[in-house]
């Protein structure tokens, strides 16, 4: 499983969960199972762990875990509350989310997540869903593409880029990563091509998988299902995710200022434990490049 995905800040996540041996926990981004396996080491026969993931490869990894305490749920974490209830669980002691895509997904050419390989324009985390990167790039109008690239990728020349995509697909439908890169290569800043393409791919991936909307739904449900003093541990990899996590923990909402009651008390379900996000050590970053952009936030249910 470690070959599938090397878990980032593993010990920091485990410490943040403050695991009770007989508690109920959820790893909503199971992936290769690295974090889940470590959580299970801290549970006795009364403890329970639910692992969520919509990816078929993650399901195959989950089949390798034989613990009676473990239950795999093949679903997006935006359906956290629904599937916990289906398993007879209303409240949990801790929730872990390692956002972003796994090393395995990036390194599989057929998934279309990486600019390093040619392959189909896919980028779906749930391969059964209808909309892929191909549909986004070939079917969305120029205005919608401009908005996605600007908002989700923070691409500075988003308007010009959207126009170039529309022009390119007018000549021939965009089917592969290489075709797409050829169509936009001339717009990438010289010397910063890799970063530019990463921003573009991030924007399209977020749109394909509704990542930010799903994250918002998950965070709200997390606060609802956590027991009093239960822990929420979330690791994000770009500013758009981290901003949503930070705002919800600190304000109980994603935009605007925190609301207060008649007595001036803040109305929010969570209390931040980490004043600033935890980042990986230099040693871990040297061993696992993915850790360099990770920000870990820990909160407690009030």
C-alpha atoms as a PDB file:
ATOM      1  CA  UNK A   1       0.000   0.000   0.000  1.00  0.00           C
ATOM      2  CA  UNK A   2       2.893   2.378   0.648  1.00  0.00           C
ATOM      3  CA  UNK A   3       3.781   2.070  -3.047  1.00  0.00           C
ATOM      4  CA  UNK A   4       0.298   3.320  -3.866  1.00  0.00           C
ATOM      5  CA  UNK A   5       0.581   6.429  -1.744  1.00  0.00           C
ATOM      6  CA  UNK A   6       3.007   7.454   0.976  1.00  0.00           C
ATOM      7  CA  UNK A   7       0.865   8.993   3.755  1.00  0.00           C
ATOM      8  CA  UNK A   8       1.795  12.590   4.521  1.00  0.00           C
ATOM      9  CA  UNK A   9       2.407  13.722   8.132  1.00  0.00           C
ATOM     10  CA  UNK A  10       1.239  10.350   9.403  1.00  0.00           C
ATOM     11  CA  UNK A  11       2.191  10.794  13.062  1.00  0.00           C
ATOM     12  CA  UNK A  12       0.868  14.357  13.174  1.00  0.00           C
ATOM     13  CA  UNK A  13      -2.497  13.116  11.876  1.00  0.00           C
ATOM     14  CA  UNK A  14      -2.657  10.289  14.425  1.00  0.00           C
ATOM     15  CA  UNK A  15      -1.759  12.636  17.277  1.00  0.00           C
ATOM     16  CA  UNK A  16      -4.384  15.112  16.074  1.00  0.00           C
ATOM     17  CA  UNK A  17      -7.111  12.465  16.178  1.00  0.00           C
ATOM     18  CA  UNK A  18      -6.259  11.698  19.826  1.00  0.00           C
ATOM     19  CA  UNK A  19      -7.540   8.157  19.324  1.00  0.00           C
ATOM     20  CA  UNK A  20      -9.555   6.317  21.974  1.00  0.00           C
ATOM     21  CA  UNK A  21      -9.124   2.568  21.666  1.00  0.00           C
ATOM     22  CA  UNK A  22     -12.896   1.946  21.679  1.00  0.00           C
ATOM     23  CA  UNK A  23     -13.821   4.994  19.589  1.00  0.00           C
ATOM     24  CA  UNK A  24     -15.433   5.370  16.172  1.00  0.00           C
ATOM     25  CA  UNK A  25     -13.323   7.028  13.460  1.00  0.00           C
ATOM     26  CA  UNK A  26     -13.596   7.891   9.791  1.00  0.00           C
ATOM     27  CA  UNK A  27     -10.838   8.190   7.196  1.00  0.00           C
ATOM     28  CA  UNK A  28     -12.766   9.920   4.418  1.00  0.00           C
ATOM     29  CA  UNK A  29      -9.895   9.703   1.900  1.00  0.00           C
ATOM     30  CA  UNK A  30      -8.790   6.082   2.211  1.00  0.00           C
ATOM     31  CA  UNK A  31      -6.579   5.964  -0.907  1.00  0.00           C
ATOM     32  CA  UNK A  32      -3.762   3.508  -0.289  1.00  0.00           C
ATOM     33  CA  UNK A  33      -4.830   2.926   3.297  1.00  0.00           C
ATOM     34  CA  UNK A  34      -1.705   4.257   4.981  1.00  0.00           C
ATOM     35  CA  UNK A  35      -3.487   6.481   7.473  1.00  0.00           C
ATOM     36  CA  UNK A  36      -6.228   3.890   8.060  1.00  0.00           C
ATOM     37  CA  UNK A  37      -3.759   1.142   8.861  1.00  0.00           C
ATOM     38  CA  UNK A  38      -2.118   3.341  11.475  1.00  0.00           C
ATOM     39  CA  UNK A  39      -5.477   4.279  13.021  1.00  0.00           C
ATOM     40  CA  UNK A  40      -6.402   0.587  13.296  1.00  0.00           C
ATOM     41  CA  UNK A  41      -3.238  -0.076  15.332  1.00  0.00           C
ATOM     42  CA  UNK A  42      -4.700   2.166  18.053  1.00  0.00           C
ATOM     43  CA  UNK A  43      -8.149   0.508  18.180  1.00  0.00           C
ATOM     44  CA  UNK A  44      -9.233  -2.490  20.223  1.00  0.00           C
ATOM     45  CA  UNK A  45     -12.026  -4.934  19.334  1.00  0.00           C
ATOM     46  CA  UNK A  46     -14.638  -2.350  20.336  1.00  0.00           C
ATOM     47  CA  UNK A  47     -13.230   0.392  18.144  1.00  0.00           C
ATOM     48  CA  UNK A  48     -14.464   1.025  14.595  1.00  0.00           C
ATOM     49  CA  UNK A  49     -12.985   2.668  11.529  1.00  0.00           C
ATOM     50  CA  UNK A  50     -14.844   3.580   8.344  1.00  0.00           C
ATOM     51  CA  UNK A  51     -12.795   4.245   5.233  1.00  0.00           C
ATOM     52  CA  UNK A  52     -14.436   6.306   2.467  1.00  0.00           C
ATOM     53  CA  UNK A  53     -13.197   6.496  -1.114  1.00  0.00           C
ATOM     54  CA  UNK A  54     -14.924   6.562  -4.488  1.00  0.00           C
ATOM     55  CA  UNK A  55     -11.917   5.183  -6.380  1.00  0.00           C
ATOM     56  CA  UNK A  56     -11.942   1.561  -7.570  1.00  0.00           C
ATOM     57  CA  UNK A  57      -8.207   1.197  -6.905  1.00  0.00           C
ATOM     58  CA  UNK A  58      -8.748   2.328  -3.314  1.00  0.00           C
ATOM     59  CA  UNK A  59     -11.426  -0.335  -2.941  1.00  0.00           C
ATOM     60  CA  UNK A  60      -8.918  -2.954  -4.085  1.00  0.00           C
ATOM     61  CA  UNK A  61      -6.493  -1.717  -1.413  1.00  0.00           C
ATOM     62  CA  UNK A  62      -9.223  -1.867   1.218  1.00  0.00           C
ATOM     63  CA  UNK A  63      -9.775  -5.547   0.436  1.00  0.00           C
ATOM     64  CA  UNK A  64      -6.300  -6.204   1.880  1.00  0.00           C
ATOM     65  CA  UNK A  65      -7.375  -5.037   5.351  1.00  0.00           C
ATOM     66  CA  UNK A  66      -8.728  -7.965   7.352  1.00  0.00           C
ATOM     67  CA  UNK A  67      -9.502  -6.180  10.618  1.00  0.00           C
ATOM     68  CA  UNK A  68     -13.029  -6.671  11.959  1.00  0.00           C
ATOM     69  CA  UNK A  69     -12.932  -3.061  13.120  1.00  0.00           C
ATOM     70  CA  UNK A  70     -12.694  -1.783   9.545  1.00  0.00           C
ATOM     71  CA  UNK A  71     -15.506  -1.060   7.074  1.00  0.00           C
ATOM     72  CA  UNK A  72     -14.893   0.314   3.588  1.00  0.00           C
ATOM     73  CA  UNK A  73     -17.469   2.621   2.031  1.00  0.00           C
ATOM     74  CA  UNK A  74     -17.128   3.244  -1.702  1.00  0.00           C
ATOM     75  CA  UNK A  75     -18.493   6.776  -1.824  1.00  0.00           C
ATOM     76  CA  UNK A  76     -17.461  10.416  -1.997  1.00  0.00           C
ATOM     77  CA  UNK A  77     -16.999  12.043   1.405  1.00  0.00           C
ATOM     78  CA  UNK A  78     -19.752  14.529   0.573  1.00  0.00           C
ATOM     79  CA  UNK A  79     -22.109  11.654   1.500  1.00  0.00           C
ATOM     80  CA  UNK A  80     -20.498  11.115   4.918  1.00  0.00           C
ATOM     81  CA  UNK A  81     -23.647  11.469   7.004  1.00  0.00           C
ATOM     82  CA  UNK A  82     -25.804   9.314   4.719  1.00  0.00           C
ATOM     83  CA  UNK A  83     -23.464   6.319   4.682  1.00  0.00           C
ATOM     84  CA  UNK A  84     -22.631   6.465   8.370  1.00  0.00           C
ATOM     85  CA  UNK A  85     -26.359   6.312   9.121  1.00  0.00           C
ATOM     86  CA  UNK A  86     -26.710   3.327   6.765  1.00  0.00           C
ATOM     87  CA  UNK A  87     -24.158   1.605   8.994  1.00  0.00           C
ATOM     88  CA  UNK A  88     -26.022   2.587  12.149  1.00  0.00           C
ATOM     89  CA  UNK A  89     -23.607   5.341  13.168  1.00  0.00           C
ATOM     90  CA  UNK A  90     -24.839   8.794  14.183  1.00  0.00           C
ATOM     91  CA  UNK A  91     -21.802  10.166  16.017  1.00  0.00           C
ATOM     92  CA  UNK A  92     -18.043   9.611  15.704  1.00  0.00           C
ATOM     93  CA  UNK A  93     -14.961  10.462  17.773  1.00  0.00           C
ATOM     94  CA  UNK A  94     -12.728  11.628  14.967  1.00  0.00           C
ATOM     95  CA  UNK A  95     -12.542  12.320  11.237  1.00  0.00           C
ATOM     96  CA  UNK A  96      -9.445  12.435   9.033  1.00  0.00           C
ATOM     97  CA  UNK A  97      -9.330  13.949   5.523  1.00  0.00           C
ATOM     98  CA  UNK A  98      -6.204  13.945   3.358  1.00  0.00           C
ATOM     99  CA  UNK A  99      -7.388  16.062   0.423  1.00  0.00           C
ATOM    100  CA  UNK A 100      -6.038  16.093  -3.103  1.00  0.00           C
ATOM    101  CA  UNK A 101      -5.115  13.220  -5.354  1.00  0.00           C
ATOM    102  CA  UNK A 102      -2.944  10.232  -4.522  1.00  0.00           C
ATOM    103  CA  UNK A 103       0.475   9.494  -5.948  1.00  0.00           C
ATOM    104  CA  UNK A 104      -1.021   6.414  -7.576  1.00  0.00           C
ATOM    105  CA  UNK A 105      -3.667   8.431  -9.422  1.00  0.00           C
ATOM    106  CA  UNK A 106      -1.055  10.915 -10.632  1.00  0.00           C
ATOM    107  CA  UNK A 107       1.270   8.154 -11.812  1.00  0.00           C
ATOM    108  CA  UNK A 108      -1.386   6.212 -13.745  1.00  0.00           C
ATOM    109  CA  UNK A 109      -1.372   7.584 -17.337  1.00  0.00           C
ATOM    110  CA  UNK A 110      -4.886   6.340 -18.116  1.00  0.00           C
ATOM    111  CA  UNK A 111      -6.383   8.503 -15.367  1.00  0.00           C
ATOM    112  CA  UNK A 112      -5.293  11.728 -17.075  1.00  0.00           C
ATOM    113  CA  UNK A 113      -4.234  13.589 -13.917  1.00  0.00           C
ATOM    114  CA  UNK A 114      -0.629  14.326 -14.864  1.00  0.00           C
ATOM    115  CA  UNK A 115       1.077  16.343 -17.596  1.00  0.00           C
ATOM    116  CA  UNK A 116       3.998  13.876 -17.471  1.00  0.00           C
ATOM    117  CA  UNK A 117       2.166  11.240 -19.495  1.00  0.00           C
ATOM    118  CA  UNK A 118       0.046  11.238 -22.604  1.00  0.00           C
ATOM    119  CA  UNK A 119      -3.349   9.684 -22.093  1.00  0.00           C
ATOM    120  CA  UNK A 120      -7.068  10.402 -22.281  1.00  0.00           C
ATOM    121  CA  UNK A 121      -8.472  13.666 -20.951  1.00  0.00           C
ATOM    122  CA  UNK A 122     -10.209  12.072 -17.980  1.00  0.00           C
ATOM    123  CA  UNK A 123      -9.360  13.299 -14.426  1.00  0.00           C
ATOM    124  CA  UNK A 124     -12.385  11.588 -12.833  1.00  0.00           C
ATOM    125  CA  UNK A 125     -11.852  10.311  -9.295  1.00  0.00           C
ATOM    126  CA  UNK A 126     -15.072   8.351  -9.674  1.00  0.00           C
ATOM    127  CA  UNK A 127     -14.670   6.693 -13.074  1.00  0.00           C
ATOM    128  CA  UNK A 128     -18.392   5.905 -13.270  1.00  0.00           C
ATOM    129  CA  UNK A 129     -19.453   9.559 -13.461  1.00  0.00           C
ATOM    130  CA  UNK A 130     -20.421  11.034 -16.826  1.00  0.00           C
ATOM    131  CA  UNK A 131     -18.417  14.265 -16.908  1.00  0.00           C
ATOM    132  CA  UNK A 132     -14.680  13.982 -17.560  1.00  0.00           C
ATOM    133  CA  UNK A 133     -12.028  16.533 -18.549  1.00  0.00           C
ATOM    134  CA  UNK A 134     -12.871  15.804 -22.177  1.00  0.00           C
ATOM    135  CA  UNK A 135     -16.441  17.056 -21.750  1.00  0.00           C
ATOM    136  CA  UNK A 136     -15.295  20.143 -19.848  1.00  0.00           C
ATOM    137  CA  UNK A 137     -12.741  21.134 -22.496  1.00  0.00           C
ATOM    138  CA  UNK A 138     -14.862  20.331 -25.541  1.00  0.00           C
ATOM    139  CA  UNK A 139     -18.387  21.240 -24.396  1.00  0.00           C
ATOM    140  CA  UNK A 140     -18.138  24.172 -21.952  1.00  0.00           C
ATOM    141  CA  UNK A 141     -18.537  27.604 -23.527  1.00  0.00           C
ATOM    142  CA  UNK A 142     -15.727  30.142 -23.457  1.00  0.00           C
ATOM    143  CA  UNK A 143     -17.192  32.132 -20.572  1.00  0.00           C
ATOM    144  CA  UNK A 144     -17.479  29.041 -18.355  1.00  0.00           C
ATOM    145  CA  UNK A 145     -13.911  27.966 -19.180  1.00  0.00           C
ATOM    146  CA  UNK A 146     -12.644  31.460 -18.359  1.00  0.00           C
ATOM    147  CA  UNK A 147     -14.359  31.341 -14.956  1.00  0.00           C
ATOM    148  CA  UNK A 148     -13.072  27.850 -14.092  1.00  0.00           C
ATOM    149  CA  UNK A 149      -9.464  28.583 -15.093  1.00  0.00           C
ATOM    150  CA  UNK A 150      -9.447  31.898 -13.241  1.00  0.00           C
ATOM    151  CA  UNK A 151     -11.186  30.731 -10.051  1.00  0.00           C
ATOM    152  CA  UNK A 152      -9.929  27.183  -9.619  1.00  0.00           C
ATOM    153  CA  UNK A 153      -6.485  27.468 -11.216  1.00  0.00           C
ATOM    154  CA  UNK A 154      -5.814  31.132 -10.480  1.00  0.00           C
ATOM    155  CA  UNK A 155      -4.464  31.322 -14.041  1.00  0.00           C
ATOM    156  CA  UNK A 156      -3.571  34.936 -14.836  1.00  0.00           C
ATOM    157  CA  UNK A 157      -4.293  34.759 -18.583  1.00  0.00           C
ATOM    158  CA  UNK A 158      -7.470  32.703 -18.092  1.00  0.00           C
ATOM    159  CA  UNK A 159      -9.494  34.661 -20.664  1.00  0.00           C
ATOM    160  CA  UNK A 160      -6.871  34.247 -23.403  1.00  0.00           C
ATOM    161  CA  UNK A 161      -6.447  30.594 -22.481  1.00  0.00           C
ATOM    162  CA  UNK A 162     -10.196  29.918 -22.683  1.00  0.00           C
ATOM    163  CA  UNK A 163     -10.299  31.495 -26.156  1.00  0.00           C
ATOM    164  CA  UNK A 164      -7.347  29.356 -27.287  1.00  0.00           C
ATOM    165  CA  UNK A 165      -9.085  26.173 -26.091  1.00  0.00           C
ATOM    166  CA  UNK A 166     -12.262  27.065 -28.002  1.00  0.00           C
ATOM    167  CA  UNK A 167     -10.242  27.788 -31.147  1.00  0.00           C
ATOM    168  CA  UNK A 168      -8.273  24.529 -30.893  1.00  0.00           C
ATOM    169  CA  UNK A 169     -11.326  22.327 -30.364  1.00  0.00           C
ATOM    170  CA  UNK A 170     -13.042  24.026 -33.309  1.00  0.00           C
ATOM    171  CA  UNK A 171     -10.384  22.532 -35.559  1.00  0.00           C
ATOM    172  CA  UNK A 172     -10.374  19.101 -33.934  1.00  0.00           C
ATOM    173  CA  UNK A 173     -11.916  17.764 -30.680  1.00  0.00           C
ATOM    174  CA  UNK A 174      -9.431  17.578 -27.809  1.00  0.00           C
ATOM    175  CA  UNK A 175      -9.060  13.912 -26.874  1.00  0.00           C
ATOM    176  CA  UNK A 176      -5.625  13.469 -25.275  1.00  0.00           C
ATOM    177  CA  UNK A 177      -3.370  15.269 -22.831  1.00  0.00           C
ATOM    178  CA  UNK A 178      -0.739  15.846 -25.521  1.00  0.00           C
ATOM    179  CA  UNK A 179      -3.293  17.410 -27.853  1.00  0.00           C
ATOM    180  CA  UNK A 180      -4.415  19.718 -25.085  1.00  0.00           C
ATOM    181  CA  UNK A 181      -0.877  20.721 -24.104  1.00  0.00           C
ATOM    182  CA  UNK A 182      -0.016  21.424 -27.754  1.00  0.00           C
ATOM    183  CA  UNK A 183      -3.036  23.740 -27.963  1.00  0.00           C
ATOM    184  CA  UNK A 184      -2.029  25.822 -24.935  1.00  0.00           C
ATOM    185  CA  UNK A 185       1.773  25.496 -24.855  1.00  0.00           C
ATOM    186  CA  UNK A 186       2.429  28.880 -26.450  1.00  0.00           C
ATOM    187  CA  UNK A 187       0.488  30.621 -23.648  1.00  0.00           C
ATOM    188  CA  UNK A 188       2.660  29.251 -20.828  1.00  0.00           C
ATOM    189  CA  UNK A 189       5.159  31.731 -19.320  1.00  0.00           C
ATOM    190  CA  UNK A 190       8.682  30.845 -20.389  1.00  0.00           C
ATOM    191  CA  UNK A 191      10.572  29.029 -17.669  1.00  0.00           C
ATOM    192  CA  UNK A 192       7.380  28.450 -15.647  1.00  0.00           C
ATOM    193  CA  UNK A 193       5.645  26.009 -17.984  1.00  0.00           C
ATOM    194  CA  UNK A 194       5.300  23.187 -15.456  1.00  0.00           C
ATOM    195  CA  UNK A 195       3.715  25.400 -12.804  1.00  0.00           C
ATOM    196  CA  UNK A 196       1.368  26.898 -15.396  1.00  0.00           C
ATOM    197  CA  UNK A 197       0.212  23.494 -16.652  1.00  0.00           C
ATOM    198  CA  UNK A 198      -0.239  22.326 -13.037  1.00  0.00           C
ATOM    199  CA  UNK A 199      -2.549  25.296 -12.383  1.00  0.00           C
ATOM    200  CA  UNK A 200      -4.549  24.569 -15.541  1.00  0.00           C
ATOM    201  CA  UNK A 201      -4.891  20.873 -14.706  1.00  0.00           C
ATOM    202  CA  UNK A 202      -5.885  21.717 -11.122  1.00  0.00           C
ATOM    203  CA  UNK A 203      -8.673  23.957 -12.379  1.00  0.00           C
ATOM    204  CA  UNK A 204     -10.088  21.321 -14.717  1.00  0.00           C
ATOM    205  CA  UNK A 205      -9.772  18.553 -12.121  1.00  0.00           C
ATOM    206  CA  UNK A 206     -11.615  20.612  -9.498  1.00  0.00           C
ATOM    207  CA  UNK A 207     -14.449  21.241 -11.972  1.00  0.00           C
ATOM    208  CA  UNK A 208     -14.677  17.601 -13.098  1.00  0.00           C
ATOM    209  CA  UNK A 209     -14.900  16.297  -9.527  1.00  0.00           C
ATOM    210  CA  UNK A 210     -16.758  19.257  -7.942  1.00  0.00           C
ATOM    211  CA  UNK A 211     -13.996  19.196  -5.353  1.00  0.00           C
ATOM    212  CA  UNK A 212     -14.650  22.479  -3.575  1.00  0.00           C
ATOM    213  CA  UNK A 213     -18.405  21.974  -3.402  1.00  0.00           C
ATOM    214  CA  UNK A 214     -17.885  18.437  -2.079  1.00  0.00           C
ATOM    215  CA  UNK A 215     -15.406  19.766   0.500  1.00  0.00           C
ATOM    216  CA  UNK A 216     -17.921  22.330   1.768  1.00  0.00           C
ATOM    217  CA  UNK A 217     -20.624  19.659   2.106  1.00  0.00           C
ATOM    218  CA  UNK A 218     -18.194  17.357   3.899  1.00  0.00           C
ATOM    219  CA  UNK A 219     -17.053  19.986   6.398  1.00  0.00           C
ATOM    220  CA  UNK A 220     -20.613  20.895   7.389  1.00  0.00           C
ATOM    221  CA  UNK A 221     -21.506  17.212   7.856  1.00  0.00           C
ATOM    222  CA  UNK A 222     -18.307  16.575   9.821  1.00  0.00           C
ATOM    223  CA  UNK A 223     -19.346  19.113  12.439  1.00  0.00           C
ATOM    224  CA  UNK A 224     -22.770  17.468  12.619  1.00  0.00           C
ATOM    225  CA  UNK A 225     -21.552  13.909  13.164  1.00  0.00           C
ATOM    226  CA  UNK A 226     -18.661  14.603  15.544  1.00  0.00           C
ATOM    227  CA  UNK A 227     -19.260  13.933  19.231  1.00  0.00           C
ATOM    228  CA  UNK A 228     -18.512  16.663  21.754  1.00  0.00           C
ATOM    229  CA  UNK A 229     -14.709  17.033  21.912  1.00  0.00           C
ATOM    230  CA  UNK A 230     -14.427  14.910  18.761  1.00  0.00           C
ATOM    231  CA  UNK A 231     -11.507  15.784  16.474  1.00  0.00           C
ATOM    232  CA  UNK A 232     -11.452  16.902  12.840  1.00  0.00           C
ATOM    233  CA  UNK A 233      -8.072  16.540  11.102  1.00  0.00           C
ATOM    234  CA  UNK A 234      -7.831  17.954   7.575  1.00  0.00           C
ATOM    235  CA  UNK A 235      -4.807  18.129   5.291  1.00  0.00           C
ATOM    236  CA  UNK A 236      -5.022  20.349   2.207  1.00  0.00           C
ATOM    237  CA  UNK A 237      -2.619  20.947  -0.672  1.00  0.00           C
ATOM    238  CA  UNK A 238      -3.601  24.258  -2.238  1.00  0.00           C
ATOM    239  CA  UNK A 239      -4.891  27.608  -1.034  1.00  0.00           C
ATOM    240  CA  UNK A 240      -8.463  27.158  -2.284  1.00  0.00           C
ATOM    241  CA  UNK A 241      -8.970  24.066  -0.113  1.00  0.00           C
ATOM    242  CA  UNK A 242      -7.099  25.443   2.865  1.00  0.00           C
ATOM    243  CA  UNK A 243      -9.114  28.678   2.820  1.00  0.00           C
ATOM    244  CA  UNK A 244     -12.402  26.760   3.037  1.00  0.00           C
ATOM    245  CA  UNK A 245     -11.106  24.560   5.868  1.00  0.00           C
ATOM    246  CA  UNK A 246      -9.674  27.529   7.788  1.00  0.00           C
ATOM    247  CA  UNK A 247     -12.835  29.627   7.401  1.00  0.00           C
ATOM    248  CA  UNK A 248     -15.187  26.842   8.456  1.00  0.00           C
ATOM    249  CA  UNK A 249     -13.137  25.966  11.524  1.00  0.00           C
ATOM    250  CA  UNK A 250     -12.689  29.584  12.609  1.00  0.00           C
ATOM    251  CA  UNK A 251     -16.057  31.039  11.592  1.00  0.00           C
ATOM    252  CA  UNK A 252     -18.495  28.167  11.114  1.00  0.00           C
ATOM    253  CA  UNK A 253     -19.049  29.374   7.543  1.00  0.00           C
ATOM    254  CA  UNK A 254     -17.087  29.624   4.324  1.00  0.00           C
ATOM    255  CA  UNK A 255     -17.528  33.302   3.529  1.00  0.00           C
ATOM    256  CA  UNK A 256     -18.088  36.424   5.601  1.00  0.00           C
ATOM    257  CA  UNK A 257     -17.572  37.028   9.292  1.00  0.00           C
ATOM    258  CA  UNK A 258     -18.436  34.728  12.161  1.00  0.00           C
ATOM    259  CA  UNK A 259     -21.969  35.178  13.519  1.00  0.00           C
ATOM    260  CA  UNK A 260     -22.626  35.966  17.178  1.00  0.00           C
ATOM    261  CA  UNK A 261     -25.571  35.451  19.505  1.00  0.00           C
ATOM    262  CA  UNK A 262     -27.261  38.157  21.609  1.00  0.00           C
ATOM    263  CA  UNK A 263     -24.538  37.852  24.241  1.00  0.00           C
ATOM    264  CA  UNK A 264     -21.668  38.228  21.793  1.00  0.00           C
ATOM    265  CA  UNK A 265     -20.717  34.550  21.783  1.00  0.00           C
ATOM    266  CA  UNK A 266     -19.479  33.193  18.486  1.00  0.00           C
ATOM    267  CA  UNK A 267     -21.856  30.765  16.775  1.00  0.00           C
ATOM    268  CA  UNK A 268     -19.716  28.012  15.322  1.00  0.00           C
ATOM    269  CA  UNK A 269     -19.491  24.238  15.840  1.00  0.00           C
ATOM    270  CA  UNK A 270     -15.711  23.820  15.917  1.00  0.00           C
ATOM    271  CA  UNK A 271     -12.762  25.214  17.851  1.00  0.00           C
ATOM    272  CA  UNK A 272      -9.330  25.346  16.244  1.00  0.00           C
ATOM    273  CA  UNK A 273      -6.598  23.429  18.054  1.00  0.00           C
ATOM    274  CA  UNK A 274      -3.825  24.528  15.706  1.00  0.00           C
ATOM    275  CA  UNK A 275      -3.442  28.325  15.618  1.00  0.00           C
ATOM    276  CA  UNK A 276      -1.397  27.972  12.437  1.00  0.00           C
ATOM    277  CA  UNK A 277      -1.430  25.032  10.028  1.00  0.00           C
ATOM    278  CA  UNK A 278       1.097  22.280  10.695  1.00  0.00           C
ATOM    279  CA  UNK A 279       3.575  21.706   7.856  1.00  0.00           C
ATOM    280  CA  UNK A 280       5.805  18.753   7.110  1.00  0.00           C
ATOM    281  CA  UNK A 281       9.402  18.597   8.341  1.00  0.00           C
ATOM    282  CA  UNK A 282      12.277  19.166   5.919  1.00  0.00           C
ATOM    283  CA  UNK A 283      13.191  15.505   6.360  1.00  0.00           C
ATOM    284  CA  UNK A 284       9.732  14.328   5.291  1.00  0.00           C
ATOM    285  CA  UNK A 285       9.659  16.714   2.322  1.00  0.00           C
ATOM    286  CA  UNK A 286      12.993  15.288   1.149  1.00  0.00           C
ATOM    287  CA  UNK A 287      11.554  11.783   1.338  1.00  0.00           C
ATOM    288  CA  UNK A 288       8.091  12.617  -0.017  1.00  0.00           C
ATOM    289  CA  UNK A 289       7.837  15.588  -2.378  1.00  0.00           C
ATOM    290  CA  UNK A 290       4.039  15.659  -2.093  1.00  0.00           C
ATOM    291  CA  UNK A 291       4.374  16.787   1.521  1.00  0.00           C
ATOM    292  CA  UNK A 292       5.914  20.150   0.568  1.00  0.00           C
ATOM    293  CA  UNK A 293       2.555  21.845  -0.064  1.00  0.00           C
ATOM    294  CA  UNK A 294       0.559  20.090   2.693  1.00  0.00           C
ATOM    295  CA  UNK A 295      -1.119  22.120   5.426  1.00  0.00           C
ATOM    296  CA  UNK A 296      -2.647  20.279   8.365  1.00  0.00           C
ATOM    297  CA  UNK A 297      -5.403  21.828  10.479  1.00  0.00           C
ATOM    298  CA  UNK A 298      -6.929  20.242  13.569  1.00  0.00           C
ATOM    299  CA  UNK A 299     -10.217  21.240  15.200  1.00  0.00           C
ATOM    300  CA  UNK A 300     -12.392  20.038  18.061  1.00  0.00           C
ATOM    301  CA  UNK A 301     -16.187  19.881  18.271  1.00  0.00           C
ATOM    302  CA  UNK A 302     -17.387  22.401  20.814  1.00  0.00           C
END
